[in-house]
Amino acid sequence: MSIPGARRGLMLVLSSPSGAGKTTMSKRLLANDPQISLSVSATTRKARPGEIDGQDYHFVSNDQFDGLVATGQLLEWAHVFGNRYGTPRGPVETALTEGRDILFDIDWQGTQQLRQSQAGGDLVSIFLLPPSLEELEQRLKSRAADSDEVITQRMSRAADEISHWAEYDYILVNDDPGQCLHEIRSILTTERLRRERQRGLAGFVRDLLAGE
């Protein structure tokens, strides 16, 4: 009897307003789950100190980015705070075929584009909400990474991002980071077991019923 083969990989999207815990959850998930890796985006912004081209981002010029868009080499792309970010199609499709999962740290615009693309059936989307807007603003201030002006911009953008919550498959309130990570991992485990991702399952059941 033939046992079902390796499953098809999935695309896990984590979205949230800045400061709601998306980056922290992504890092913890990647550190504890060898079956999933982070999608490396292409971006037109300049590399920051310590960032490595091809590992943190694919740093490209505006003309190069235009070429990627024109030739359909990006699954999704968006403008974010004056720069453009996009997901290269090739590496993602290869990973899915090989049964590896890809984690996406993108916003609602990118998530919409992924859902509308040919990869839509591979998508699992999670949106993280803060316990309150007051708590979100406090988290942004406590990071001491942005000016008051940038924090104001991020809070304004947060309201727009949160308004798209109903477009996601799962909604989690990140008031307890440990519990939030547990819920994300539970979602991932469930989605990996979905029938449509199990290769060779139909043949296995056929052989099982035939007594082979």
N, C-alpha and C. Protein backbone atom coordinates (compact mmCIF):
# COMPACT_ATOMS: atom_id res chain seq x y z
N MET A 1 0.85 -1.20 0.00
CA MET A 1 0.00 0.00 0.00
C MET A 1 0.88 1.25 0.00
N SER A 2 0.57 2.19 -0.87
CA SER A 2 1.36 3.42 -0.94
C SER A 2 0.92 4.40 0.14
N ILE A 3 1.89 4.89 0.91
CA ILE A 3 1.62 5.88 1.94
C ILE A 3 1.62 7.26 1.29
N PRO A 4 0.70 8.17 1.72
CA PRO A 4 0.68 9.51 1.13
C PRO A 4 2.04 10.18 1.19
N GLY A 5 2.37 10.91 0.12
CA GLY A 5 3.67 11.57 0.06
C GLY A 5 3.69 12.86 0.86
N ALA A 6 4.79 13.59 0.71
CA ALA A 6 4.93 14.85 1.42
C ALA A 6 3.83 15.82 1.02
N ARG A 7 3.40 16.61 1.98
CA ARG A 7 2.34 17.57 1.71
C ARG A 7 2.87 18.76 0.91
N ARG A 8 1.95 19.52 0.35
CA ARG A 8 2.32 20.78 -0.29
C ARG A 8 2.51 21.83 0.79
N GLY A 9 3.48 22.71 0.58
CA GLY A 9 3.70 23.77 1.55
C GLY A 9 2.58 24.79 1.55
N LEU A 10 2.60 25.68 2.53
CA LEU A 10 1.59 26.74 2.60
C LEU A 10 2.26 28.09 2.80
N MET A 11 1.48 29.12 2.57
CA MET A 11 1.94 30.50 2.73
C MET A 11 1.23 31.08 3.94
N LEU A 12 1.98 31.33 5.01
CA LEU A 12 1.40 31.87 6.24
C LEU A 12 1.67 33.36 6.32
N VAL A 13 0.60 34.14 6.33
CA VAL A 13 0.71 35.60 6.43
C VAL A 13 0.41 36.05 7.85
N LEU A 14 1.31 36.84 8.40
CA LEU A 14 1.06 37.52 9.68
C LEU A 14 1.02 39.01 9.39
N SER A 15 -0.10 39.65 9.70
CA SER A 15 -0.23 41.09 9.52
C SER A 15 -0.68 41.72 10.82
N SER A 16 -0.31 42.96 11.02
CA SER A 16 -0.76 43.71 12.19
C SER A 16 -0.35 45.15 12.02
N PRO A 17 -0.95 46.06 12.79
CA PRO A 17 -0.42 47.42 12.81
C PRO A 17 0.97 47.40 13.43
N SER A 18 1.80 48.37 13.07
CA SER A 18 3.13 48.47 13.66
C SER A 18 3.01 48.57 15.18
N GLY A 19 3.74 47.69 15.89
CA GLY A 19 3.71 47.71 17.35
C GLY A 19 2.78 46.67 17.97
N ALA A 20 2.03 45.95 17.15
CA ALA A 20 1.07 44.96 17.68
C ALA A 20 1.68 43.58 17.86
N GLY A 21 2.97 43.41 17.52
CA GLY A 21 3.64 42.15 17.83
C GLY A 21 3.95 41.25 16.67
N LYS A 22 3.72 41.70 15.45
CA LYS A 22 3.93 40.86 14.28
C LYS A 22 5.38 40.39 14.17
N THR A 23 6.32 41.30 14.32
CA THR A 23 7.73 40.94 14.18
C THR A 23 8.18 39.99 15.28
N THR A 24 7.74 40.25 16.51
CA THR A 24 8.09 39.37 17.63
C THR A 24 7.55 37.97 17.43
N MET A 25 6.29 37.86 17.01
CA MET A 25 5.69 36.55 16.78
C MET A 25 6.40 35.82 15.65
N SER A 26 6.77 36.56 14.60
CA SER A 26 7.46 35.95 13.46
C SER A 26 8.79 35.36 13.90
N LYS A 27 9.56 36.13 14.66
CA LYS A 27 10.87 35.67 15.11
C LYS A 27 10.76 34.42 15.99
N ARG A 28 9.79 34.42 16.89
CA ARG A 28 9.62 33.27 17.78
C ARG A 28 9.18 32.03 17.02
N LEU A 29 8.30 32.22 16.05
CA LEU A 29 7.83 31.10 15.26
C LEU A 29 8.97 30.50 14.44
N LEU A 30 9.75 31.35 13.81
CA LEU A 30 10.87 30.89 12.98
C LEU A 30 11.94 30.19 13.82
N ALA A 31 12.13 30.65 15.05
CA ALA A 31 13.16 30.08 15.91
C ALA A 31 12.79 28.69 16.41
N ASN A 32 11.50 28.36 16.42
CA ASN A 32 11.05 27.10 17.00
C ASN A 32 10.43 26.13 16.01
N ASP A 33 10.38 26.49 14.73
CA ASP A 33 9.73 25.63 13.75
C ASP A 33 10.60 25.53 12.50
N PRO A 34 11.37 24.43 12.36
CA PRO A 34 12.27 24.29 11.21
C PRO A 34 11.56 24.08 9.87
N GLN A 35 10.24 23.85 9.90
CA GLN A 35 9.51 23.61 8.65
C GLN A 35 9.10 24.90 7.95
N ILE A 36 9.35 26.04 8.58
CA ILE A 36 8.90 27.29 7.98
C ILE A 36 10.07 28.27 7.92
N SER A 37 10.11 29.05 6.83
CA SER A 37 11.16 30.06 6.67
C SER A 37 10.51 31.37 6.23
N LEU A 38 11.23 32.45 6.42
CA LEU A 38 10.70 33.78 6.12
C LEU A 38 10.91 34.13 4.65
N SER A 39 9.86 34.64 4.03
CA SER A 39 9.97 35.14 2.66
C SER A 39 10.88 36.37 2.65
N VAL A 40 11.83 36.39 1.73
CA VAL A 40 12.75 37.53 1.61
C VAL A 40 12.21 38.47 0.55
N SER A 41 11.81 39.66 0.96
CA SER A 41 11.19 40.61 0.05
C SER A 41 12.22 41.40 -0.73
N ALA A 42 11.79 41.87 -1.88
CA ALA A 42 12.57 42.85 -2.64
C ALA A 42 12.11 44.23 -2.18
N THR A 43 13.03 45.17 -2.06
CA THR A 43 12.65 46.51 -1.64
C THR A 43 13.53 47.57 -2.30
N THR A 44 12.95 48.75 -2.46
CA THR A 44 13.69 49.87 -3.04
C THR A 44 14.35 50.72 -1.96
N ARG A 45 14.10 50.43 -0.69
CA ARG A 45 14.75 51.23 0.34
C ARG A 45 16.21 50.83 0.50
N LYS A 46 16.99 51.73 1.07
CA LYS A 46 18.41 51.48 1.26
C LYS A 46 18.62 50.50 2.43
N ALA A 47 19.68 49.72 2.34
CA ALA A 47 20.00 48.78 3.41
C ALA A 47 20.40 49.55 4.67
N ARG A 48 19.95 49.06 5.82
CA ARG A 48 20.35 49.64 7.10
C ARG A 48 21.61 48.94 7.60
N PRO A 49 22.34 49.57 8.51
CA PRO A 49 23.56 48.95 9.03
C PRO A 49 23.30 47.52 9.54
N GLY A 50 24.12 46.57 9.09
CA GLY A 50 23.99 45.20 9.53
C GLY A 50 23.10 44.34 8.66
N GLU A 51 22.31 44.94 7.77
CA GLU A 51 21.45 44.16 6.89
C GLU A 51 22.25 43.59 5.73
N ILE A 52 21.89 42.37 5.34
CA ILE A 52 22.62 41.65 4.29
C ILE A 52 21.71 41.45 3.08
N ASP A 53 22.20 41.85 1.91
CA ASP A 53 21.43 41.68 0.68
C ASP A 53 21.22 40.19 0.40
N GLY A 54 19.96 39.82 0.13
CA GLY A 54 19.63 38.43 -0.13
C GLY A 54 19.26 37.64 1.10
N GLN A 55 19.56 38.18 2.27
CA GLN A 55 19.19 37.52 3.53
C GLN A 55 18.10 38.28 4.25
N ASP A 56 18.29 39.59 4.43
CA ASP A 56 17.26 40.40 5.06
C ASP A 56 16.25 40.90 4.02
N TYR A 57 16.77 41.40 2.91
CA TYR A 57 15.97 41.85 1.78
C TYR A 57 16.79 41.68 0.51
N HIS A 58 16.10 41.71 -0.63
CA HIS A 58 16.77 41.88 -1.91
C HIS A 58 16.70 43.37 -2.21
N PHE A 59 17.80 44.07 -2.06
CA PHE A 59 17.81 45.52 -2.26
C PHE A 59 17.99 45.82 -3.75
N VAL A 60 17.00 46.51 -4.32
CA VAL A 60 17.00 46.78 -5.76
C VAL A 60 16.72 48.26 -6.00
N SER A 61 17.08 48.70 -7.21
CA SER A 61 16.79 50.09 -7.59
C SER A 61 15.32 50.20 -8.01
N ASN A 62 14.87 51.43 -8.18
CA ASN A 62 13.50 51.64 -8.65
C ASN A 62 13.30 51.04 -10.04
N ASP A 63 14.30 51.18 -10.91
CA ASP A 63 14.19 50.62 -12.26
C ASP A 63 14.12 49.09 -12.21
N GLN A 64 14.93 48.48 -11.35
CA GLN A 64 14.90 47.02 -11.22
C GLN A 64 13.55 46.56 -10.69
N PHE A 65 13.00 47.31 -9.73
CA PHE A 65 11.70 46.95 -9.19
C PHE A 65 10.62 47.05 -10.27
N ASP A 66 10.70 48.11 -11.08
CA ASP A 66 9.75 48.26 -12.18
C ASP A 66 9.81 47.04 -13.11
N GLY A 67 11.03 46.55 -13.34
CA GLY A 67 11.19 45.39 -14.22
C GLY A 67 10.57 44.13 -13.62
N LEU A 68 10.71 43.95 -12.31
CA LEU A 68 10.11 42.80 -11.65
C LEU A 68 8.59 42.83 -11.76
N VAL A 69 8.02 44.02 -11.59
CA VAL A 69 6.56 44.17 -11.69
C VAL A 69 6.10 43.91 -13.12
N ALA A 70 6.80 44.49 -14.08
CA ALA A 70 6.40 44.39 -15.49
C ALA A 70 6.46 42.96 -16.02
N THR A 71 7.38 42.16 -15.51
CA THR A 71 7.55 40.79 -16.00
C THR A 71 6.83 39.76 -15.13
N GLY A 72 6.01 40.21 -14.19
CA GLY A 72 5.22 39.29 -13.37
C GLY A 72 6.02 38.46 -12.40
N GLN A 73 7.19 38.96 -11.99
CA GLN A 73 8.05 38.20 -11.09
C GLN A 73 7.74 38.43 -9.62
N LEU A 74 6.74 39.26 -9.33
CA LEU A 74 6.35 39.50 -7.95
C LEU A 74 4.94 38.98 -7.69
N LEU A 75 4.77 38.25 -6.60
CA LEU A 75 3.44 37.78 -6.22
C LEU A 75 2.58 38.92 -5.71
N GLU A 76 3.22 39.88 -5.06
CA GLU A 76 2.53 41.05 -4.54
C GLU A 76 3.55 42.15 -4.33
N TRP A 77 3.07 43.40 -4.29
CA TRP A 77 3.95 44.50 -3.94
C TRP A 77 3.13 45.68 -3.47
N ALA A 78 3.76 46.57 -2.71
CA ALA A 78 3.04 47.71 -2.16
C ALA A 78 4.01 48.83 -1.80
N HIS A 79 3.45 50.05 -1.72
CA HIS A 79 4.20 51.20 -1.21
C HIS A 79 4.04 51.24 0.31
N VAL A 80 5.15 51.37 1.03
CA VAL A 80 5.11 51.47 2.49
C VAL A 80 6.08 52.57 2.93
N PHE A 81 5.53 53.66 3.47
CA PHE A 81 6.33 54.77 3.96
C PHE A 81 7.39 55.22 2.94
N GLY A 82 6.94 55.41 1.70
CA GLY A 82 7.79 55.99 0.68
C GLY A 82 8.68 55.03 -0.08
N ASN A 83 8.64 53.76 0.28
CA ASN A 83 9.43 52.75 -0.42
C ASN A 83 8.51 51.65 -0.95
N ARG A 84 9.04 50.83 -1.86
CA ARG A 84 8.27 49.72 -2.38
C ARG A 84 8.84 48.38 -1.91
N TYR A 85 7.93 47.48 -1.59
CA TYR A 85 8.30 46.14 -1.14
C TYR A 85 7.51 45.13 -1.96
N GLY A 86 8.13 44.00 -2.28
CA GLY A 86 7.42 42.98 -3.05
C GLY A 86 7.97 41.60 -2.77
N THR A 87 7.16 40.58 -3.09
CA THR A 87 7.53 39.17 -2.87
C THR A 87 7.91 38.50 -4.18
N PRO A 88 9.18 38.10 -4.35
CA PRO A 88 9.59 37.37 -5.55
C PRO A 88 8.83 36.05 -5.69
N ARG A 89 8.32 35.78 -6.88
CA ARG A 89 7.48 34.62 -7.11
C ARG A 89 8.26 33.30 -7.10
N GLY A 90 9.42 33.25 -7.77
CA GLY A 90 10.14 32.00 -7.96
C GLY A 90 10.48 31.23 -6.70
N PRO A 91 11.15 31.85 -5.71
CA PRO A 91 11.52 31.13 -4.50
C PRO A 91 10.32 30.58 -3.73
N VAL A 92 9.21 31.32 -3.75
CA VAL A 92 8.01 30.87 -3.03
C VAL A 92 7.41 29.64 -3.70
N GLU A 93 7.28 29.67 -5.01
CA GLU A 93 6.69 28.54 -5.72
C GLU A 93 7.55 27.28 -5.57
N THR A 94 8.87 27.46 -5.56
CA THR A 94 9.77 26.32 -5.36
C THR A 94 9.58 25.71 -3.98
N ALA A 95 9.50 26.56 -2.96
CA ALA A 95 9.33 26.07 -1.59
C ALA A 95 8.02 25.32 -1.42
N LEU A 96 6.93 25.84 -1.97
CA LEU A 96 5.63 25.18 -1.84
C LEU A 96 5.65 23.81 -2.49
N THR A 97 6.25 23.72 -3.65
CA THR A 97 6.33 22.44 -4.37
C THR A 97 7.13 21.42 -3.57
N GLU A 98 8.15 21.88 -2.87
CA GLU A 98 9.00 21.00 -2.08
C GLU A 98 8.43 20.70 -0.69
N GLY A 99 7.24 21.21 -0.39
CA GLY A 99 6.59 20.94 0.88
C GLY A 99 7.06 21.81 2.02
N ARG A 100 7.70 22.94 1.71
CA ARG A 100 8.16 23.85 2.75
C ARG A 100 7.22 25.04 2.88
N ASP A 101 7.03 25.50 4.11
CA ASP A 101 6.14 26.62 4.38
C ASP A 101 6.91 27.93 4.36
N ILE A 102 6.22 28.99 3.93
CA ILE A 102 6.83 30.31 3.85
C ILE A 102 6.02 31.30 4.70
N LEU A 103 6.71 32.06 5.54
CA LEU A 103 6.08 33.06 6.38
C LEU A 103 6.21 34.44 5.73
N PHE A 104 5.09 35.17 5.70
CA PHE A 104 5.06 36.50 5.09
C PHE A 104 4.75 37.55 6.15
N ASP A 105 5.60 38.56 6.21
CA ASP A 105 5.40 39.70 7.10
C ASP A 105 4.97 40.87 6.21
N ILE A 106 3.68 40.91 5.85
CA ILE A 106 3.18 41.90 4.90
C ILE A 106 1.89 42.53 5.41
N ASP A 107 1.45 43.60 4.76
CA ASP A 107 0.24 44.29 5.18
C ASP A 107 -0.98 43.78 4.43
N TRP A 108 -2.11 44.44 4.65
CA TRP A 108 -3.37 43.98 4.07
C TRP A 108 -3.38 44.07 2.54
N GLN A 109 -2.66 45.07 2.00
CA GLN A 109 -2.61 45.20 0.55
C GLN A 109 -1.91 44.00 -0.08
N GLY A 110 -0.77 43.64 0.49
CA GLY A 110 -0.05 42.48 -0.01
C GLY A 110 -0.85 41.20 0.15
N THR A 111 -1.56 41.09 1.27
CA THR A 111 -2.38 39.90 1.52
C THR A 111 -3.49 39.78 0.48
N GLN A 112 -4.12 40.90 0.15
CA GLN A 112 -5.15 40.89 -0.89
C GLN A 112 -4.59 40.42 -2.22
N GLN A 113 -3.41 40.91 -2.57
CA GLN A 113 -2.80 40.53 -3.84
C GLN A 113 -2.45 39.05 -3.87
N LEU A 114 -1.95 38.52 -2.74
CA LEU A 114 -1.65 37.09 -2.68
C LEU A 114 -2.91 36.27 -2.86
N ARG A 115 -3.99 36.69 -2.23
CA ARG A 115 -5.25 35.94 -2.32
C ARG A 115 -5.79 35.96 -3.75
N GLN A 116 -5.56 37.05 -4.46
CA GLN A 116 -6.06 37.17 -5.83
C GLN A 116 -5.14 36.50 -6.86
N SER A 117 -3.93 36.16 -6.44
CA SER A 117 -2.98 35.54 -7.36
C SER A 117 -3.25 34.05 -7.48
N GLN A 118 -2.48 33.39 -8.33
CA GLN A 118 -2.63 31.95 -8.52
C GLN A 118 -2.28 31.19 -7.25
N ALA A 119 -1.57 31.84 -6.32
CA ALA A 119 -1.17 31.19 -5.08
C ALA A 119 -2.24 31.32 -3.99
N GLY A 120 -3.39 31.86 -4.33
CA GLY A 120 -4.42 32.11 -3.33
C GLY A 120 -4.83 30.89 -2.53
N GLY A 121 -4.85 29.70 -3.17
CA GLY A 121 -5.26 28.49 -2.47
C GLY A 121 -4.26 28.00 -1.46
N ASP A 122 -3.03 28.51 -1.52
CA ASP A 122 -1.98 28.11 -0.57
C ASP A 122 -1.92 29.04 0.63
N LEU A 123 -2.77 30.06 0.65
CA LEU A 123 -2.66 31.13 1.63
C LEU A 123 -3.42 30.84 2.92
N VAL A 124 -2.76 31.13 4.06
CA VAL A 124 -3.39 31.13 5.38
C VAL A 124 -3.05 32.47 6.01
N SER A 125 -4.05 33.28 6.33
CA SER A 125 -3.77 34.63 6.80
C SER A 125 -4.24 34.85 8.24
N ILE A 126 -3.39 35.50 9.02
CA ILE A 126 -3.68 35.81 10.42
C ILE A 126 -3.45 37.30 10.65
N PHE A 127 -4.41 37.95 11.30
CA PHE A 127 -4.26 39.37 11.65
C PHE A 127 -4.19 39.50 13.17
N LEU A 128 -3.16 40.20 13.64
CA LEU A 128 -2.97 40.42 15.07
C LEU A 128 -3.50 41.79 15.47
N LEU A 129 -4.39 41.81 16.45
CA LEU A 129 -4.92 43.06 16.97
C LEU A 129 -4.26 43.39 18.31
N PRO A 130 -4.06 44.67 18.60
CA PRO A 130 -3.58 45.05 19.94
C PRO A 130 -4.75 45.01 20.92
N PRO A 131 -4.48 44.93 22.22
CA PRO A 131 -5.57 44.95 23.21
C PRO A 131 -6.37 46.25 23.15
N SER A 132 -5.70 47.35 22.82
CA SER A 132 -6.35 48.66 22.70
C SER A 132 -5.42 49.58 21.92
N LEU A 133 -5.97 50.68 21.41
CA LEU A 133 -5.14 51.65 20.69
C LEU A 133 -4.19 52.36 21.65
N GLU A 134 -4.63 52.54 22.90
CA GLU A 134 -3.76 53.16 23.90
C GLU A 134 -2.52 52.29 24.15
N GLU A 135 -2.75 50.98 24.26
CA GLU A 135 -1.64 50.06 24.45
C GLU A 135 -0.73 50.05 23.23
N LEU A 136 -1.30 50.12 22.04
CA LEU A 136 -0.51 50.14 20.82
C LEU A 136 0.40 51.37 20.79
N GLU A 137 -0.14 52.53 21.12
CA GLU A 137 0.66 53.75 21.12
C GLU A 137 1.78 53.67 22.15
N GLN A 138 1.49 53.09 23.32
CA GLN A 138 2.49 52.96 24.37
C GLN A 138 3.63 52.04 23.92
N ARG A 139 3.28 50.96 23.21
CA ARG A 139 4.32 50.05 22.71
C ARG A 139 5.22 50.75 21.72
N LEU A 140 4.64 51.57 20.84
CA LEU A 140 5.44 52.30 19.86
C LEU A 140 6.38 53.28 20.55
N LYS A 141 5.90 53.94 21.59
CA LYS A 141 6.74 54.90 22.31
C LYS A 141 7.84 54.20 23.09
N SER A 142 7.53 53.03 23.65
CA SER A 142 8.51 52.32 24.47
C SER A 142 9.67 51.77 23.64
N ARG A 143 9.45 51.59 22.33
CA ARG A 143 10.53 51.09 21.48
C ARG A 143 11.62 52.14 21.29
N ALA A 144 11.26 53.42 21.46
CA ALA A 144 12.20 54.54 21.33
C ALA A 144 12.95 54.50 20.00
N ALA A 145 12.25 54.02 18.98
CA ALA A 145 12.88 53.89 17.66
C ALA A 145 12.38 54.95 16.68
N ASP A 146 11.29 55.62 17.00
CA ASP A 146 10.68 56.57 16.08
C ASP A 146 10.45 57.91 16.76
N SER A 147 10.41 58.95 15.94
CA SER A 147 10.08 60.28 16.44
C SER A 147 8.58 60.36 16.72
N ASP A 148 8.17 61.41 17.43
CA ASP A 148 6.74 61.59 17.72
C ASP A 148 5.95 61.71 16.43
N GLU A 149 6.56 62.36 15.42
CA GLU A 149 5.87 62.53 14.14
C GLU A 149 5.63 61.18 13.48
N VAL A 150 6.64 60.31 13.49
CA VAL A 150 6.49 58.98 12.88
C VAL A 150 5.48 58.14 13.65
N ILE A 151 5.50 58.25 14.98
CA ILE A 151 4.53 57.51 15.79
C ILE A 151 3.11 57.94 15.46
N THR A 152 2.91 59.24 15.27
CA THR A 152 1.59 59.75 14.88
C THR A 152 1.17 59.17 13.54
N GLN A 153 2.11 59.11 12.60
CA GLN A 153 1.82 58.52 11.28
C GLN A 153 1.46 57.04 11.41
N ARG A 154 2.19 56.33 12.25
CA ARG A 154 1.93 54.90 12.43
C ARG A 154 0.57 54.66 13.07
N MET A 155 0.19 55.51 14.01
CA MET A 155 -1.12 55.37 14.65
C MET A 155 -2.24 55.65 13.66
N SER A 156 -2.03 56.64 12.79
CA SER A 156 -3.03 56.94 11.77
C SER A 156 -3.17 55.77 10.80
N ARG A 157 -2.04 55.21 10.42
CA ARG A 157 -2.04 54.06 9.50
C ARG A 157 -2.67 52.84 10.17
N ALA A 158 -2.48 52.71 11.49
CA ALA A 158 -3.02 51.55 12.22
C ALA A 158 -4.53 51.45 12.10
N ALA A 159 -5.21 52.58 12.17
CA ALA A 159 -6.66 52.58 12.06
C ALA A 159 -7.11 52.03 10.72
N ASP A 160 -6.40 52.43 9.65
CA ASP A 160 -6.73 51.94 8.32
C ASP A 160 -6.46 50.44 8.21
N GLU A 161 -5.32 50.00 8.76
CA GLU A 161 -4.98 48.58 8.70
C GLU A 161 -5.99 47.73 9.46
N ILE A 162 -6.37 48.17 10.64
CA ILE A 162 -7.32 47.40 11.46
C ILE A 162 -8.67 47.29 10.77
N SER A 163 -9.04 48.29 9.96
CA SER A 163 -10.34 48.27 9.28
C SER A 163 -10.46 47.10 8.31
N HIS A 164 -9.35 46.45 7.96
CA HIS A 164 -9.35 45.33 7.01
C HIS A 164 -9.31 43.97 7.72
N TRP A 165 -9.61 43.95 9.01
CA TRP A 165 -9.49 42.72 9.80
C TRP A 165 -10.35 41.59 9.24
N ALA A 166 -11.52 41.91 8.71
CA ALA A 166 -12.46 40.87 8.27
C ALA A 166 -12.00 40.16 7.00
N GLU A 167 -10.93 40.64 6.36
CA GLU A 167 -10.43 40.00 5.14
C GLU A 167 -9.48 38.84 5.45
N TYR A 168 -9.20 38.60 6.73
CA TYR A 168 -8.25 37.56 7.13
C TYR A 168 -8.97 36.30 7.60
N ASP A 169 -8.26 35.16 7.51
CA ASP A 169 -8.83 33.88 7.92
C ASP A 169 -8.97 33.77 9.44
N TYR A 170 -7.98 34.31 10.15
CA TYR A 170 -7.95 34.21 11.61
C TYR A 170 -7.62 35.57 12.21
N ILE A 171 -8.25 35.88 13.36
CA ILE A 171 -8.00 37.13 14.07
C ILE A 171 -7.58 36.78 15.50
N LEU A 172 -6.43 37.29 15.94
CA LEU A 172 -5.94 37.05 17.29
C LEU A 172 -5.68 38.39 17.97
N VAL A 173 -6.03 38.49 19.26
CA VAL A 173 -5.72 39.68 20.05
C VAL A 173 -4.44 39.38 20.83
N ASN A 174 -3.41 40.14 20.56
CA ASN A 174 -2.11 39.88 21.16
C ASN A 174 -1.96 40.64 22.48
N ASP A 175 -2.64 40.13 23.52
CA ASP A 175 -2.49 40.73 24.84
C ASP A 175 -1.56 39.90 25.72
N ASP A 176 -1.31 38.65 25.32
CA ASP A 176 -0.39 37.75 26.02
C ASP A 176 0.48 37.10 24.94
N PRO A 177 1.74 37.54 24.79
CA PRO A 177 2.59 37.03 23.70
C PRO A 177 2.74 35.51 23.69
N GLY A 178 2.87 34.89 24.86
CA GLY A 178 3.01 33.44 24.92
C GLY A 178 1.78 32.73 24.41
N GLN A 179 0.61 33.19 24.82
CA GLN A 179 -0.64 32.59 24.37
C GLN A 179 -0.86 32.85 22.89
N CYS A 180 -0.50 34.05 22.43
CA CYS A 180 -0.66 34.39 21.02
C CYS A 180 0.19 33.47 20.15
N LEU A 181 1.43 33.22 20.56
CA LEU A 181 2.30 32.33 19.80
C LEU A 181 1.74 30.91 19.78
N HIS A 182 1.20 30.46 20.91
CA HIS A 182 0.58 29.13 20.98
C HIS A 182 -0.57 29.02 19.99
N GLU A 183 -1.39 30.06 19.90
CA GLU A 183 -2.53 30.05 18.98
C GLU A 183 -2.06 30.05 17.52
N ILE A 184 -1.02 30.81 17.22
CA ILE A 184 -0.49 30.82 15.85
C ILE A 184 0.02 29.43 15.48
N ARG A 185 0.74 28.78 16.39
CA ARG A 185 1.27 27.45 16.11
C ARG A 185 0.14 26.43 15.97
N SER A 186 -0.93 26.59 16.71
CA SER A 186 -2.09 25.69 16.59
C SER A 186 -2.75 25.84 15.22
N ILE A 187 -2.88 27.08 14.76
CA ILE A 187 -3.44 27.34 13.44
C ILE A 187 -2.57 26.69 12.37
N LEU A 188 -1.27 26.86 12.50
CA LEU A 188 -0.33 26.30 11.52
C LEU A 188 -0.41 24.79 11.48
N THR A 189 -0.49 24.14 12.64
CA THR A 189 -0.60 22.68 12.69
C THR A 189 -1.87 22.21 12.00
N THR A 190 -2.98 22.88 12.28
CA THR A 190 -4.26 22.52 11.67
C THR A 190 -4.22 22.66 10.16
N GLU A 191 -3.69 23.78 9.68
CA GLU A 191 -3.66 24.04 8.24
C GLU A 191 -2.75 23.07 7.50
N ARG A 192 -1.69 22.62 8.15
CA ARG A 192 -0.79 21.64 7.52
C ARG A 192 -1.49 20.31 7.30
N LEU A 193 -2.49 20.02 8.09
CA LEU A 193 -3.19 18.74 8.01
C LEU A 193 -4.41 18.76 7.10
N ARG A 194 -4.70 19.91 6.49
CA ARG A 194 -5.87 19.99 5.63
C ARG A 194 -5.77 18.99 4.49
N ARG A 195 -6.90 18.40 4.15
CA ARG A 195 -6.95 17.34 3.14
C ARG A 195 -6.31 17.74 1.83
N GLU A 196 -6.58 18.94 1.36
CA GLU A 196 -6.11 19.33 0.03
C GLU A 196 -4.59 19.51 -0.04
N ARG A 197 -3.91 19.54 1.11
CA ARG A 197 -2.46 19.69 1.10
C ARG A 197 -1.73 18.35 1.18
N GLN A 198 -2.49 17.25 1.35
CA GLN A 198 -1.87 15.93 1.50
C GLN A 198 -1.73 15.27 0.13
N ARG A 199 -0.50 15.11 -0.34
CA ARG A 199 -0.26 14.51 -1.65
C ARG A 199 -0.44 12.99 -1.56
N GLY A 200 -1.04 12.43 -2.60
CA GLY A 200 -1.20 10.98 -2.67
C GLY A 200 -2.28 10.42 -1.77
N LEU A 201 -3.07 11.29 -1.16
CA LEU A 201 -4.08 10.80 -0.21
C LEU A 201 -5.18 10.01 -0.91
N ALA A 202 -5.60 10.48 -2.09
CA ALA A 202 -6.67 9.77 -2.81
C ALA A 202 -6.23 8.36 -3.17
N GLY A 203 -4.98 8.21 -3.63
CA GLY A 203 -4.48 6.89 -3.97
C GLY A 203 -4.36 5.99 -2.76
N PHE A 204 -3.96 6.57 -1.63
CA PHE A 204 -3.83 5.80 -0.39
C PHE A 204 -5.19 5.26 0.05
N VAL A 205 -6.21 6.11 0.00
CA VAL A 205 -7.56 5.67 0.40
C VAL A 205 -8.08 4.62 -0.57
N ARG A 206 -7.84 4.79 -1.86
CA ARG A 206 -8.27 3.81 -2.84
C ARG A 206 -7.63 2.46 -2.55
N ASP A 207 -6.33 2.44 -2.31
CA ASP A 207 -5.63 1.18 -1.99
C ASP A 207 -6.11 0.59 -0.67
N LEU A 208 -6.39 1.48 0.28
CA LEU A 208 -6.87 1.03 1.58
C LEU A 208 -8.20 0.28 1.44
N LEU A 209 -9.11 0.83 0.67
CA LEU A 209 -10.42 0.22 0.49
C LEU A 209 -10.34 -1.06 -0.35
N ALA A 210 -9.31 -1.09 -1.21
CA ALA A 210 -9.13 -2.29 -2.05
C ALA A 210 -8.39 -3.40 -1.31
N GLY A 211 -7.93 -3.09 -0.10
CA GLY A 211 -7.23 -4.09 0.70
C GLY A 211 -5.83 -4.35 0.22
N GLU A 212 -5.23 -3.40 -0.50
CA GLU A 212 -3.88 -3.61 -1.04
C GLU A 212 -2.82 -3.14 -0.03
